[in-house]
Amino acid sequence: MPSLLAVAVSVALLLPLAATGAEPFPSDSPEHQALTTASESLGDPDFTLREEYWKGTITLSTGRAVRLQFFKRNHYRLFLGAAPASLPRGAKLHLHLFDAENTEVATASGEPGEAAVALNFENTLGTGLYLVLMRIEAPPSPLIGEDVPAVLFYGWK
């Protein structure tokens, strides 16, 4: 049974859609993929999902990077989701986290063909800006130049 927090977060994420008359995220959307991967965290009453999230496209040849501020002593969970129909066959999602000195401090890789990946990061290093690199590793294909719709959700406890 979902916790009250998980229900509240789900409602908060879906309210903007309800106001426009749109349906909740379709099962083939990047948001659905990321939130499905986050479902275990959403059931944790100590976990706070940030309502604002990154949405855009990831180029298969270069990836995408965003900067996020993380605070010391928090446990962060990041969830990258991609549109399954846009992923080349056998593609793998990757998340890399770099500190201010450009040292990789955490990484996570999905399984080939999965449309979402989660990264857990226990911040014992310090408060500051971190670079999150999102990339998609794809086998050689004529689609290598295509952009893949994607989202990045994150939260902490």
Protein backbone atom coordinates (compact mmCIF):
# COMPACT_ATOMS: atom_id res chain seq x y z
CA MET A 1 0.00 0.00 0.00
CA PRO A 2 1.55 3.39 -0.95
CA SER A 3 2.42 5.79 1.82
CA LEU A 4 0.64 9.10 2.22
CA LEU A 5 3.80 10.90 1.05
CA ALA A 6 4.00 8.81 -2.13
CA VAL A 7 0.38 9.59 -2.90
CA ALA A 8 0.91 13.31 -2.16
CA VAL A 9 3.98 13.44 -4.41
CA SER A 10 2.15 11.63 -7.20
CA VAL A 11 -0.78 14.03 -6.89
CA ALA A 12 1.59 17.03 -6.87
CA LEU A 13 3.28 15.79 -10.04
CA LEU A 14 -0.02 15.16 -11.79
CA LEU A 15 -1.90 18.34 -10.72
CA PRO A 16 -0.51 20.48 -13.56
CA LEU A 17 -1.74 17.85 -16.02
CA ALA A 18 -5.20 17.73 -14.42
CA ALA A 19 -5.51 21.50 -14.72
CA THR A 20 -4.91 21.27 -18.47
CA GLY A 21 -7.19 18.28 -18.93
CA ALA A 22 -4.25 16.11 -19.98
CA GLU A 23 -3.93 12.51 -18.88
CA PRO A 24 -1.18 11.36 -16.50
CA PHE A 25 2.15 10.54 -18.08
CA PRO A 26 1.65 7.90 -20.80
CA SER A 27 3.50 4.62 -20.27
CA ASP A 28 5.88 5.39 -23.16
CA SER A 29 6.90 8.79 -21.76
CA PRO A 30 10.27 9.48 -20.12
CA GLU A 31 8.44 10.75 -17.01
CA HIS A 32 6.63 7.43 -16.60
CA GLN A 33 9.89 5.52 -16.96
CA ALA A 34 11.70 7.64 -14.35
CA LEU A 35 8.81 7.66 -11.87
CA THR A 36 8.38 3.89 -12.18
CA THR A 37 12.06 3.48 -11.30
CA ALA A 38 11.58 5.92 -8.41
CA SER A 39 8.51 4.12 -7.03
CA GLU A 40 10.42 2.41 -4.21
CA SER A 41 11.86 5.76 -3.08
CA LEU A 42 8.45 7.43 -3.31
CA GLY A 43 7.16 4.94 -0.75
CA ASP A 44 9.87 6.02 1.75
CA PRO A 45 8.33 8.61 4.12
CA ASP A 46 11.77 10.22 4.64
CA PHE A 47 12.34 10.76 0.92
CA THR A 48 11.52 14.15 -0.65
CA LEU A 49 11.12 14.27 -4.42
CA ARG A 50 11.95 17.65 -5.87
CA GLU A 51 8.95 18.97 -7.80
CA GLU A 52 11.11 20.74 -10.39
CA TYR A 53 12.95 18.47 -12.78
CA TRP A 54 15.01 18.62 -15.96
CA LYS A 55 13.25 17.73 -19.21
CA GLY A 56 14.76 17.83 -22.67
CA THR A 57 16.61 15.64 -25.11
CA ILE A 58 19.85 13.72 -24.95
CA THR A 59 21.93 13.49 -28.09
CA LEU A 60 23.30 9.98 -28.48
CA SER A 61 26.69 11.28 -29.60
CA THR A 62 27.26 13.82 -26.79
CA GLY A 63 24.88 13.36 -23.85
CA ARG A 64 23.63 16.20 -21.62
CA ALA A 65 24.87 17.78 -18.40
CA VAL A 66 23.14 19.78 -15.66
CA ARG A 67 24.44 21.34 -12.44
CA LEU A 68 22.67 20.65 -9.16
CA GLN A 69 23.43 21.83 -5.65
CA PHE A 70 23.72 19.03 -3.11
CA PHE A 71 24.02 19.50 0.63
CA LYS A 72 26.37 17.53 2.86
CA ARG A 73 24.84 14.69 4.91
CA ASN A 74 21.91 14.15 2.52
CA HIS A 75 21.34 10.94 0.60
CA TYR A 76 20.39 11.80 -2.98
CA ARG A 77 18.61 9.64 -5.53
CA LEU A 78 18.57 10.62 -9.20
CA PHE A 79 16.28 9.01 -11.77
CA LEU A 80 16.90 9.30 -15.51
CA GLY A 81 14.11 8.19 -17.83
CA ALA A 82 14.02 8.11 -21.63
CA ALA A 83 11.25 7.57 -24.15
CA PRO A 84 11.43 3.83 -24.92
CA ALA A 85 10.32 4.25 -28.54
CA SER A 86 13.21 6.67 -29.17
CA LEU A 87 15.93 4.44 -27.71
CA PRO A 88 17.96 2.44 -30.20
CA ARG A 89 17.85 -1.32 -29.64
CA GLY A 90 20.34 -2.37 -26.94
CA ALA A 91 20.98 1.19 -25.70
CA LYS A 92 22.14 1.73 -22.09
CA LEU A 93 21.45 4.79 -19.93
CA HIS A 94 24.26 6.18 -17.76
CA LEU A 95 24.40 8.77 -14.98
CA HIS A 96 27.70 10.23 -13.79
CA LEU A 97 28.14 12.65 -10.90
CA PHE A 98 31.18 14.95 -10.67
CA ASP A 99 32.21 17.25 -7.81
CA ALA A 100 33.58 20.81 -8.13
CA GLU A 101 37.07 19.45 -8.85
CA ASN A 102 35.71 17.39 -11.78
CA THR A 103 36.26 14.13 -9.92
CA GLU A 104 33.65 11.47 -10.57
CA VAL A 105 32.04 10.68 -7.22
CA ALA A 106 29.21 8.36 -8.30
CA THR A 107 28.00 6.53 -11.38
CA ALA A 108 25.15 4.26 -12.40
CA SER A 109 24.45 2.32 -15.58
CA GLY A 110 21.25 0.68 -16.71
CA GLU A 111 20.82 -2.62 -18.45
CA PRO A 112 20.66 -2.71 -22.26
CA GLY A 113 17.13 -1.92 -23.41
CA GLU A 114 15.93 -0.43 -20.08
CA ALA A 115 14.45 3.06 -20.38
CA ALA A 116 15.41 4.27 -16.88
CA VAL A 117 18.30 4.21 -14.43
CA ALA A 118 18.72 5.33 -10.81
CA LEU A 119 21.81 6.69 -9.06
CA ASN A 120 22.20 6.77 -5.27
CA PHE A 121 24.65 9.26 -3.76
CA GLU A 122 25.39 9.63 -0.06
CA ASN A 123 26.91 13.13 0.16
CA THR A 124 29.71 12.91 2.70
CA LEU A 125 31.91 15.20 0.59
CA GLY A 126 30.42 18.64 1.16
CA THR A 127 27.80 21.14 0.13
CA GLY A 128 28.29 22.52 -3.35
CA LEU A 129 27.50 22.32 -7.02
CA TYR A 130 27.77 18.95 -8.71
CA LEU A 131 27.69 18.16 -12.41
CA VAL A 132 25.28 15.42 -13.48
CA LEU A 133 26.17 13.91 -16.84
CA MET A 134 23.38 11.97 -18.55
CA ARG A 135 24.35 9.86 -21.53
CA ILE A 136 23.05 7.05 -23.68
CA GLU A 137 25.42 4.39 -24.96
CA ALA A 138 24.08 2.90 -28.17
CA PRO A 139 25.43 0.26 -30.53
CA PRO A 140 26.48 1.62 -33.95
CA SER A 141 23.35 2.59 -35.81
CA PRO A 142 22.05 5.12 -38.33
CA LEU A 143 20.12 6.67 -35.38
CA ILE A 144 23.32 7.79 -33.60
CA GLY A 145 22.60 11.45 -34.43
CA GLU A 146 19.02 11.35 -33.12
CA ASP A 147 17.87 13.11 -29.97
CA VAL A 148 16.11 11.05 -27.31
CA PRO A 149 13.42 12.70 -25.12
CA ALA A 150 14.46 12.32 -21.48
CA VAL A 151 13.84 13.57 -17.93
CA LEU A 152 15.85 13.69 -14.72
CA PHE A 153 14.05 13.62 -11.37
CA TYR A 154 15.87 13.72 -8.06
CA GLY A 155 15.21 13.84 -4.37
CA TRP A 156 16.86 13.38 -1.00
CA LYS A 157 16.46 12.19 2.53
